[in-house]
C-alpha atoms as a PDB file:
ATOM      1  CA  MET A   1       0.000   0.000   0.000  1.00  0.00           C
ATOM      2  CA  ALA A   2       1.415   3.423  -0.937  1.00  0.00           C
ATOM      3  CA  MET A   3       2.298   5.614   2.007  1.00  0.00           C
ATOM      4  CA  GLU A   4      -0.120   8.373   0.939  1.00  0.00           C
ATOM      5  CA  LYS A   5      -2.859   5.723   0.887  1.00  0.00           C
ATOM      6  CA  VAL A   6      -1.861   4.703   4.428  1.00  0.00           C
ATOM      7  CA  LEU A   7      -2.296   8.269   5.651  1.00  0.00           C
ATOM      8  CA  GLU A   8      -5.636   8.601   3.849  1.00  0.00           C
ATOM      9  CA  GLU A   9      -6.838   5.309   5.367  1.00  0.00           C
ATOM     10  CA  TRP A  10      -5.689   6.385   8.804  1.00  0.00           C
ATOM     11  CA  CYS A  11      -7.490   9.725   8.504  1.00  0.00           C
ATOM     12  CA  LYS A  12     -10.746   7.944   7.685  1.00  0.00           C
ATOM     13  CA  LEU A  13     -10.295   5.483  10.548  1.00  0.00           C
ATOM     14  CA  HIS A  14      -9.375   8.288  12.909  1.00  0.00           C
ATOM     15  CA  LYS A  15     -12.526  10.242  12.115  1.00  0.00           C
ATOM     16  CA  PHE A  16     -14.692   7.140  12.559  1.00  0.00           C
ATOM     17  CA  HIS A  17     -13.095   6.048  15.816  1.00  0.00           C
ATOM     18  CA  LEU A  18     -12.905   9.603  17.165  1.00  0.00           C
ATOM     19  CA  TYR A  19     -16.687   9.833  17.016  1.00  0.00           C
ATOM     20  CA  SER A  20     -17.216   6.328  18.336  1.00  0.00           C
ATOM     21  CA  GLY A  21     -14.973   7.072  21.330  1.00  0.00           C
ATOM     22  CA  SER A  22     -12.644   4.115  20.720  1.00  0.00           C
ATOM     23  CA  PHE A  23      -9.685   6.042  19.366  1.00  0.00           C
ATOM     24  CA  GLU A  24      -7.890   9.226  20.350  1.00  0.00           C
ATOM     25  CA  THR A  25      -5.273  11.388  18.671  1.00  0.00           C
ATOM     26  CA  LYS A  26      -3.095  11.182  21.778  1.00  0.00           C
ATOM     27  CA  ASP A  27      -2.838   7.391  21.377  1.00  0.00           C
ATOM     28  CA  LEU A  28      -1.285   7.628  17.925  1.00  0.00           C
ATOM     29  CA  ALA A  29       0.895  10.571  18.962  1.00  0.00           C
ATOM     30  CA  LYS A  30       2.293   8.592  21.881  1.00  0.00           C
ATOM     31  CA  PHE A  31       2.868   5.522  19.667  1.00  0.00           C
ATOM     32  CA  ILE A  32       4.853   7.578  17.133  1.00  0.00           C
ATOM     33  CA  GLY A  33       6.561   9.883  19.627  1.00  0.00           C
ATOM     34  CA  VAL A  34       5.071  13.182  18.493  1.00  0.00           C
ATOM     35  CA  SER A  35       2.696  15.627  20.107  1.00  0.00           C
ATOM     36  CA  PRO A  36      -1.071  15.321  19.637  1.00  0.00           C
ATOM     37  CA  ARG A  37      -0.891  18.752  17.984  1.00  0.00           C
ATOM     38  CA  THR A  38       1.382  17.309  15.297  1.00  0.00           C
ATOM     39  CA  VAL A  39      -1.187  14.612  14.524  1.00  0.00           C
ATOM     40  CA  GLN A  40      -3.879  17.294  14.354  1.00  0.00           C
ATOM     41  CA  ARG A  41      -1.775  19.218  11.820  1.00  0.00           C
ATOM     42  CA  TRP A  42      -1.533  16.064   9.690  1.00  0.00           C
ATOM     43  CA  LEU A  43      -5.307  15.586   9.837  1.00  0.00           C
ATOM     44  CA  LYS A  44      -5.895  19.199   8.805  1.00  0.00           C
ATOM     45  CA  GLU A  45      -3.293  18.788   6.038  1.00  0.00           C
ATOM     46  CA  LYS A  46      -1.185  21.663   7.432  1.00  0.00           C
ATOM     47  CA  ALA A  47       1.800  19.307   7.606  1.00  0.00           C
ATOM     48  CA  LYS A  48       2.692  15.820   6.421  1.00  0.00           C
ATOM     49  CA  PRO A  49       4.307  12.986   8.333  1.00  0.00           C
ATOM     50  CA  THR A  50       7.702  11.729   7.232  1.00  0.00           C
ATOM     51  CA  LYS A  51       8.109   8.424   5.439  1.00  0.00           C
ATOM     52  CA  ASP A  52       9.140   6.783   8.731  1.00  0.00           C
ATOM     53  CA  GLN A  53       6.136   8.259  10.531  1.00  0.00           C
ATOM     54  CA  LEU A  54       3.839   6.971   7.792  1.00  0.00           C
ATOM     55  CA  ALA A  55       5.309   3.507   8.292  1.00  0.00           C
ATOM     56  CA  GLN A  56       4.578   3.828  12.018  1.00  0.00           C
ATOM     57  CA  ILE A  57       1.009   4.938  11.262  1.00  0.00           C
ATOM     58  CA  LYS A  58       0.554   1.825   9.133  1.00  0.00           C
ATOM     59  CA  ARG A  59       1.922  -0.345  11.941  1.00  0.00           C
ATOM     60  CA  TYR A  60      -0.388   1.383  14.427  1.00  0.00           C
ATOM     61  CA  ILE A  61      -3.417   0.757  12.184  1.00  0.00           C
ATOM     62  CA  VAL A  62      -2.553  -2.924  11.837  1.00  0.00           C
ATOM     63  CA  GLU A  63      -1.897  -3.412  15.555  1.00  0.00           C
ATOM     64  CA  ASN A  64      -4.999  -1.501  16.669  1.00  0.00           C
ATOM     65  CA  GLU A  65      -7.479  -2.589  14.039  1.00  0.00           C
ATOM     66  CA  PRO A  66     -10.782  -3.440  15.703  1.00  0.00           C
ATOM     67  CA  LYS A  67     -11.276  -7.178  15.967  1.00  0.00           C
ATOM     68  CA  THR A  68     -14.637  -8.429  14.823  1.00  0.00           C
ATOM     69  CA  SER A  69     -16.059 -11.730  15.917  1.00  0.00           C
ATOM     70  CA  LEU A  70     -18.624 -13.700  13.984  1.00  0.00           C
END
């Protein structure tokens, strides 16, 4: 998956989980080692994460993907 696609996917997941109460900006910020404000700048497209940070976002998505049971 292209890194830009990873960020786009994360933004969509973030917005969904933010409203459902199961995800917070501070969680990702802590995982990556940046401030929550930095993550907010990414979401508002005022800044972009580095290639390494995008890789960490992808890892975070994979590790924190909601588990569904059938």
